[in-house]
Amino acid sequence: MCCPLFPGVLSFVLLMFILGGFMSNELTISKANSFVEASYQMTLDEMRVLSLTLGVFDPTNPKRGFDFTVAEFCEHFPDVNPDIAYVQVQKAIRKISSRWMTLQNDERILHEVAFVTDRVYFKKEGRFYIEFHEKLLPYIANLKARYTKYELVNIGAFTSTHTIRLYELCSQYKTVGRREIKLEDLKDWLQIKDKYPRYNSFNQRVLEPAVLEINAKSDLFVSIEPIKRGRTITALHFTIKTKKQEIEDSRKSATKLGRIKLPKRPNVKVGSHEEGVYFRECENLIRKHWKSVYNNEEWRDILPKLPDSELELLHKFYKGIGDEYHKLCKRILDSRESNSK
C-alpha cells in the first residue's frame, strides 16, 4: 500500500525529519574579500537565505542553480517559526532578486552586481530553487586568494544583519587578530551612511548590539576602540580573537589577578564571620573581573569558562559562606577531571 504524501509545508518538515533528509550542519560560506566589503542592503531573512545558499554552494565545483527546503532553513536558523517560514523565505527570495551589491576596486571604479537571476517556488513540497547571477560567480567560486571563509553555524543565531556583516568583516582578519576600518567606509558597507550622524547613536544602535551578539553566539570574541582625529572619531580599531584564544588569555590574566590583587587572608578563625567577609570580598573581585571579560553574561554561564585554579578558589569561598554556587564549581571540576582520564 502506498503511503500518501502529507499535504502542506509543516507536514513536509515532519517528513524531512522522518527521512533524515536535512543537509549537513557543517556548511561553510566562502566569499571574496571584495564581496565581504561590498555595499549592499538586506533584511535579516534575505541575509539568511543568501547565507544558506552560499553554504550549500560548492565553490570548487560551481553550478549556478540549486534548491533548498523550508525545513533546511528552519534547521539552520532555529528562531524561525516553521508555521510562517515558507512565506518568509518566499518574500526574502523575491527581494534578493531585485538587490544589487556595489563593489569598489583600488582604482575607485564601482562595479554593480546582481545576486539572483532566476527563482522557482514549489509550495506543496516546501522547496525553493535559486539561480545565482553569472556575474556573481567570480566572487564566490574557485577562490584561490583574498577570500574569507566561515561556518554557517556561527551566524545562525544572529538576529541582525549588522551583526552578520560585522562578523564577516572580523572573520576576514581573524588570523591577523586586528583590523582598522574607517568609520565612513563601515557605514557605507552597511548602507547606513545617512543614518546615525552622531557616533554615540551609531555605537548604541549598531556596534554595541552587534559585538554583544558576536561575543555571545559565535566563535569570535571582538572588542572595538574608537580612533580620533582631534575630537572627531574617524575610524575603529577591532581586536579579534577566537573564543579559544580569549579563554586562554583570560585564564592567564585571571591567575595573575588571583595572585596579585586578592587581599591577604586576615588572621581569623576558620568558619568565623570575619572569614566569611573576606571570602565575599575575594569572590566579588573575581566575579567583577570575569563579568567585564564576558560582557556581563550570566555568572552561571561564565563559571565553566574559568581555569581550575580559579574554580577551586571560588569553591572554597562559596562553601565557606554557604552559597549554593559551591556545588556548581565542584561539578565543573569533577567533570574536567573525569574527561581528562
Protein backbone atom coordinates (compact mmCIF):
# COMPACT_ATOMS: atom_id res chain seq x y z
CA MET A 1 0.00 0.00 0.00
CA CYS A 2 1.41 3.38 -0.97
CA CYS A 3 1.82 5.98 1.72
CA PRO A 4 0.09 9.25 0.68
CA LEU A 5 2.14 12.41 0.70
CA PHE A 6 1.49 14.71 3.64
CA PRO A 7 -0.13 17.96 2.48
CA GLY A 8 1.23 21.33 3.49
CA VAL A 9 4.56 22.82 4.48
CA LEU A 10 4.54 21.66 8.11
CA SER A 11 3.92 18.09 7.06
CA PHE A 12 6.83 18.36 4.65
CA VAL A 13 9.06 19.47 7.53
CA LEU A 14 7.96 16.41 9.54
CA LEU A 15 8.58 14.14 6.57
CA MET A 16 12.09 15.52 6.17
CA PHE A 17 12.77 14.76 9.84
CA ILE A 18 11.50 11.17 9.40
CA LEU A 19 13.58 10.54 6.30
CA GLY A 20 16.66 12.28 7.71
CA GLY A 21 16.75 14.47 4.65
CA PHE A 22 18.34 17.54 6.19
CA MET A 23 21.56 18.92 4.79
CA SER A 24 24.66 18.82 6.96
CA ASN A 25 25.00 21.29 9.81
CA GLU A 26 28.61 21.88 8.83
CA LEU A 27 28.07 24.26 5.94
CA THR A 28 30.91 26.60 5.02
CA ILE A 29 30.48 30.02 3.43
CA SER A 30 33.23 31.40 1.19
CA LYS A 31 33.27 34.96 -0.16
CA ALA A 32 35.86 37.05 -1.95
CA ASN A 33 37.08 39.83 0.33
CA SER A 34 35.66 42.36 -2.11
CA PHE A 35 32.25 40.74 -1.53
CA VAL A 36 32.71 40.97 2.25
CA GLU A 37 33.50 44.69 1.88
CA ALA A 38 30.80 45.40 -0.71
CA SER A 39 27.97 47.86 -0.14
CA TYR A 40 24.50 46.32 -0.10
CA GLN A 41 21.36 46.32 1.98
CA MET A 42 19.25 43.32 3.01
CA THR A 43 16.72 42.31 5.62
CA LEU A 44 17.61 39.59 8.12
CA ASP A 45 15.59 36.99 6.21
CA GLU A 46 17.34 37.93 2.96
CA MET A 47 20.76 37.65 4.61
CA ARG A 48 19.81 34.26 6.00
CA VAL A 49 18.62 32.97 2.61
CA LEU A 50 21.81 34.25 0.97
CA SER A 51 23.96 32.68 3.70
CA LEU A 52 22.21 29.31 3.43
CA THR A 53 22.51 29.23 -0.36
CA LEU A 54 26.19 30.16 -0.17
CA GLY A 55 26.65 27.41 2.41
CA VAL A 56 25.09 24.84 0.07
CA PHE A 57 27.04 26.24 -2.89
CA ASP A 58 30.25 24.34 -3.71
CA PRO A 59 32.89 26.95 -4.66
CA THR A 60 35.20 24.28 -6.14
CA ASN A 61 32.54 22.81 -8.43
CA PRO A 62 30.14 25.66 -9.01
CA LYS A 63 26.76 25.45 -10.59
CA ARG A 64 24.56 28.50 -10.75
CA GLY A 65 21.28 26.85 -9.76
CA PHE A 66 20.29 24.66 -6.81
CA ASP A 67 17.43 24.23 -4.38
CA PHE A 68 16.78 24.03 -0.64
CA THR A 69 13.76 23.40 1.57
CA VAL A 70 11.96 25.40 4.20
CA ALA A 71 12.85 22.61 6.63
CA GLU A 72 16.55 23.21 6.00
CA PHE A 73 16.05 26.94 6.53
CA CYS A 74 14.41 26.31 9.92
CA GLU A 75 17.16 23.90 10.90
CA HIS A 76 19.95 26.42 10.39
CA PHE A 77 18.08 29.41 11.86
CA PRO A 78 16.39 27.98 14.98
CA ASP A 79 14.44 31.12 15.97
CA VAL A 80 12.35 30.92 12.76
CA ASN A 81 8.71 29.91 13.24
CA PRO A 82 8.02 26.89 10.94
CA ASP A 83 4.35 27.92 10.62
CA ILE A 84 5.24 31.06 8.67
CA ALA A 85 8.72 30.15 7.39
CA TYR A 86 7.63 29.39 3.81
CA VAL A 87 6.09 32.85 3.38
CA GLN A 88 9.17 34.48 4.98
CA VAL A 89 11.58 32.71 2.65
CA GLN A 90 9.47 33.39 -0.44
CA LYS A 91 9.35 37.12 0.35
CA ALA A 92 13.09 37.16 1.03
CA ILE A 93 13.91 35.48 -2.29
CA ARG A 94 11.74 37.96 -4.18
CA LYS A 95 13.54 40.87 -2.52
CA ILE A 96 17.01 39.41 -3.15
CA SER A 97 16.11 39.14 -6.83
CA SER A 98 15.90 42.93 -7.02
CA ARG A 99 19.03 43.62 -4.96
CA TRP A 100 22.44 44.71 -6.22
CA MET A 101 25.75 45.00 -4.45
CA THR A 102 28.31 47.68 -5.20
CA LEU A 103 31.99 46.78 -5.22
CA GLN A 104 34.86 49.23 -5.49
CA ASN A 105 38.39 48.35 -6.61
CA ASP A 106 41.67 50.09 -5.85
CA GLU A 107 41.15 52.48 -8.77
CA ARG A 108 37.85 53.60 -7.19
CA ILE A 109 35.88 52.03 -10.04
CA LEU A 110 32.40 50.95 -8.99
CA HIS A 111 31.01 47.62 -10.13
CA GLU A 112 27.36 46.75 -9.50
CA VAL A 113 26.45 43.06 -9.40
CA ALA A 114 23.04 41.38 -9.06
CA PHE A 115 22.66 38.35 -6.78
CA VAL A 116 19.96 36.19 -8.38
CA THR A 117 18.58 35.78 -11.92
CA ASP A 118 16.01 33.01 -11.54
CA ARG A 119 13.86 31.53 -8.78
CA VAL A 120 11.13 28.89 -8.59
CA TYR A 121 8.77 28.13 -5.69
CA PHE A 122 7.45 24.60 -5.04
CA LYS A 123 4.82 25.34 -2.41
CA LYS A 124 3.45 21.81 -1.97
CA GLU A 125 6.96 20.49 -1.33
CA GLY A 126 8.13 23.49 0.69
CA ARG A 127 11.07 23.81 -1.67
CA PHE A 128 12.81 26.71 -3.44
CA TYR A 129 15.08 26.92 -6.47
CA ILE A 130 17.56 29.79 -6.84
CA GLU A 131 19.99 30.58 -9.64
CA PHE A 132 22.89 32.92 -8.96
CA HIS A 133 23.72 35.65 -11.45
CA GLU A 134 26.71 34.69 -13.61
CA LYS A 135 28.41 37.99 -12.68
CA LEU A 136 28.35 36.90 -9.01
CA LEU A 137 30.35 33.70 -9.60
CA PRO A 138 33.83 35.32 -9.59
CA TYR A 139 33.14 36.43 -6.01
CA ILE A 140 32.03 33.02 -4.68
CA ALA A 141 33.60 30.33 -6.91
CA ASN A 142 37.13 28.97 -7.45
CA LEU A 143 38.56 31.34 -4.87
CA LYS A 144 42.34 30.92 -4.55
CA ALA A 145 43.34 34.02 -2.59
CA ARG A 146 41.86 37.07 -0.86
CA TYR A 147 38.73 35.41 0.38
CA THR A 148 37.00 34.84 3.72
CA LYS A 149 35.64 31.51 4.94
CA TYR A 150 33.48 30.72 7.98
CA GLU A 151 30.94 28.19 9.23
CA LEU A 152 27.24 28.93 8.78
CA VAL A 153 26.55 27.71 12.33
CA ASN A 154 28.45 30.72 13.69
CA ILE A 155 25.88 33.19 12.35
CA GLY A 156 22.76 31.03 12.66
CA ALA A 157 21.62 32.61 15.94
CA PHE A 158 22.29 36.24 14.96
CA THR A 159 19.21 38.48 14.94
CA SER A 160 20.59 41.43 12.97
CA THR A 161 22.03 41.94 9.50
CA HIS A 162 24.57 44.33 11.04
CA THR A 163 25.82 41.52 13.28
CA ILE A 164 26.28 39.19 10.30
CA ARG A 165 28.15 41.83 8.27
CA LEU A 166 30.35 42.83 11.21
CA TYR A 167 31.11 39.17 11.93
CA GLU A 168 32.23 38.70 8.31
CA LEU A 169 34.45 41.79 8.45
CA CYS A 170 36.08 40.45 11.63
CA SER A 171 36.42 36.91 10.24
CA GLN A 172 38.30 38.40 7.31
CA TYR A 173 41.12 39.40 9.72
CA LYS A 174 40.75 36.55 12.22
CA THR A 175 44.28 35.22 11.65
CA VAL A 176 45.76 38.72 11.92
CA GLY A 177 43.89 39.44 15.16
CA ARG A 178 43.16 43.09 14.48
CA ARG A 179 41.96 45.48 11.81
CA GLU A 180 41.23 49.15 11.39
CA ILE A 181 38.19 50.41 9.45
CA LYS A 182 37.34 53.98 8.57
CA LEU A 183 34.01 54.91 10.10
CA GLU A 184 32.83 56.29 6.77
CA ASP A 185 33.67 53.01 4.97
CA LEU A 186 31.91 50.86 7.56
CA LYS A 187 28.70 52.88 7.37
CA ASP A 188 28.88 52.74 3.57
CA TRP A 189 29.30 48.94 3.55
CA LEU A 190 26.31 48.62 5.90
CA GLN A 191 24.31 51.05 3.74
CA ILE A 192 23.59 53.37 6.67
CA LYS A 193 25.71 56.30 5.55
CA ASP A 194 22.90 58.80 6.06
CA LYS A 195 21.83 57.34 9.43
CA TYR A 196 23.26 57.95 12.88
CA PRO A 197 25.26 61.15 12.24
CA ARG A 198 26.41 61.08 15.88
CA TYR A 199 28.86 58.34 16.84
CA ASN A 200 27.15 57.70 20.18
CA SER A 201 23.93 56.83 18.38
CA PHE A 202 25.73 54.60 15.86
CA ASN A 203 27.56 52.87 18.68
CA GLN A 204 24.41 52.26 20.75
CA ARG A 205 22.17 51.18 17.86
CA VAL A 206 24.61 49.23 15.69
CA LEU A 207 28.05 48.49 17.14
CA GLU A 208 27.30 47.52 20.74
CA PRO A 209 24.40 45.14 19.95
CA ALA A 210 26.41 43.52 17.14
CA VAL A 211 29.52 42.99 19.29
CA LEU A 212 27.43 41.57 22.14
CA GLU A 213 25.85 39.06 19.76
CA ILE A 214 29.16 38.09 18.17
CA ASN A 215 30.77 37.52 21.55
CA ALA A 216 27.81 35.58 22.96
CA LYS A 217 26.80 33.46 19.96
CA SER A 218 29.77 32.88 17.65
CA ASP A 219 33.32 31.51 17.63
CA LEU A 220 34.84 35.02 17.83
CA PHE A 221 35.46 37.49 20.62
CA VAL A 222 35.62 41.09 19.40
CA SER A 223 36.34 44.43 21.05
CA ILE A 224 36.33 47.91 19.48
CA GLU A 225 38.33 51.04 20.23
CA PRO A 226 37.38 54.31 18.50
CA ILE A 227 40.21 56.24 16.82
CA LYS A 228 40.06 60.02 16.97
CA ARG A 229 41.44 62.79 14.83
CA GLY A 230 41.21 65.76 17.13
CA ARG A 231 37.81 65.42 18.79
CA THR A 232 36.21 63.52 15.92
CA ILE A 233 36.04 59.73 15.74
CA THR A 234 37.19 58.81 12.25
CA ALA A 235 37.96 55.09 12.47
CA LEU A 236 37.55 51.97 14.58
CA HIS A 237 40.21 49.54 15.78
CA PHE A 238 38.94 45.95 16.07
CA THR A 239 40.69 43.37 18.26
CA ILE A 240 39.67 39.92 17.06
CA LYS A 241 40.24 36.62 18.85
CA THR A 242 38.78 33.16 18.62
CA LYS A 243 36.85 32.11 21.72
CA LYS A 244 39.59 29.59 22.47
CA GLN A 245 42.24 32.34 22.38
CA GLU A 246 40.13 34.61 24.56
CA ILE A 247 39.51 31.93 27.17
CA GLU A 248 43.21 31.05 27.32
CA ASP A 249 44.23 34.71 27.62
CA SER A 250 41.57 35.33 30.25
CA ARG A 251 42.64 32.30 32.24
CA LYS A 252 46.22 33.55 32.31
CA SER A 253 45.14 37.02 33.40
CA ALA A 254 42.78 35.51 35.97
CA THR A 255 45.60 33.52 37.52
CA LYS A 256 47.68 36.67 37.77
CA LEU A 257 44.69 38.51 39.17
CA GLY A 258 44.24 35.86 41.85
CA ARG A 259 47.88 36.06 42.88
CA ILE A 260 48.30 39.81 42.78
CA LYS A 261 45.03 41.54 43.52
CA LEU A 262 43.22 39.32 46.00
CA PRO A 263 43.62 40.70 49.52
CA LYS A 264 45.74 38.85 52.06
CA ARG A 265 43.79 36.49 54.26
CA PRO A 266 43.30 38.04 57.70
CA ASN A 267 44.34 36.18 60.83
CA VAL A 268 40.85 34.99 61.80
CA LYS A 269 39.24 31.73 62.88
CA VAL A 270 38.08 29.23 60.29
CA GLY A 271 34.32 29.47 59.94
CA SER A 272 34.11 32.86 61.64
CA HIS A 273 32.06 35.83 60.45
CA GLU A 274 35.29 37.67 59.66
CA GLU A 275 36.43 34.82 57.40
CA GLY A 276 33.07 35.00 55.60
CA VAL A 277 33.58 38.73 54.99
CA TYR A 278 37.00 38.01 53.49
CA PHE A 279 35.60 35.24 51.27
CA ARG A 280 32.85 37.52 49.97
CA GLU A 281 35.35 40.27 49.19
CA CYS A 282 37.55 37.87 47.19
CA GLU A 283 34.56 36.37 45.36
CA ASN A 284 33.34 39.83 44.43
CA LEU A 285 36.74 40.78 42.93
CA ILE A 286 36.89 37.61 40.83
CA ARG A 287 33.26 37.95 39.70
CA LYS A 288 33.72 41.62 38.66
CA HIS A 289 36.78 40.73 36.60
CA TRP A 290 35.09 37.91 34.71
CA LYS A 291 31.83 39.77 34.22
CA SER A 292 33.79 42.51 32.47
CA VAL A 293 35.63 39.96 30.31
CA TYR A 294 32.40 38.31 29.20
CA ASN A 295 30.26 41.44 28.78
CA ASN A 296 28.08 40.77 31.82
CA GLU A 297 26.99 37.29 30.83
CA GLU A 298 25.14 35.28 33.46
CA TRP A 299 27.58 34.22 36.19
CA ARG A 300 26.36 30.62 35.89
CA ASP A 301 27.38 30.65 32.21
CA ILE A 302 30.79 32.16 32.95
CA LEU A 303 31.89 29.68 35.62
CA PRO A 304 32.53 26.76 33.18
CA LYS A 305 34.98 29.00 31.28
CA LEU A 306 37.23 29.65 34.28
CA PRO A 307 40.57 27.89 34.93
CA ASP A 308 40.78 25.15 37.55
CA SER A 309 42.76 27.31 39.97
CA GLU A 310 40.06 29.97 39.91
CA LEU A 311 37.24 27.46 40.34
CA GLU A 312 38.99 25.82 43.27
CA LEU A 313 39.26 29.20 45.00
CA LEU A 314 35.62 30.01 44.32
CA HIS A 315 34.52 26.57 45.52
CA LYS A 316 36.32 27.24 48.78
CA PHE A 317 34.82 30.73 49.12
CA TYR A 318 31.26 29.64 48.29
CA LYS A 319 31.42 26.65 50.61
CA GLY A 320 32.75 28.85 53.40
CA ILE A 321 29.81 31.27 53.13
CA GLY A 322 27.20 28.58 52.46
CA ASP A 323 26.50 29.66 48.86
CA GLU A 324 24.96 27.04 46.53
CA TYR A 325 27.41 28.01 43.80
CA HIS A 326 29.99 25.77 45.51
CA LYS A 327 28.08 22.75 44.15
CA LEU A 328 28.28 24.05 40.57
CA CYS A 329 32.03 24.73 40.91
CA LYS A 330 32.54 21.19 42.23
CA ARG A 331 30.53 19.65 39.38
CA ILE A 332 32.60 21.53 36.78
CA LEU A 333 35.88 20.47 38.40
CA ASP A 334 34.76 16.84 38.71
CA SER A 335 33.64 16.81 35.07
CA ARG A 336 37.02 18.10 33.90
CA GLU A 337 38.84 15.51 35.96
CA SER A 338 36.76 12.63 34.56
CA ASN A 339 37.20 13.90 30.98
CA SER A 340 40.98 14.06 31.38
CA LYS A 341 41.22 10.37 32.34
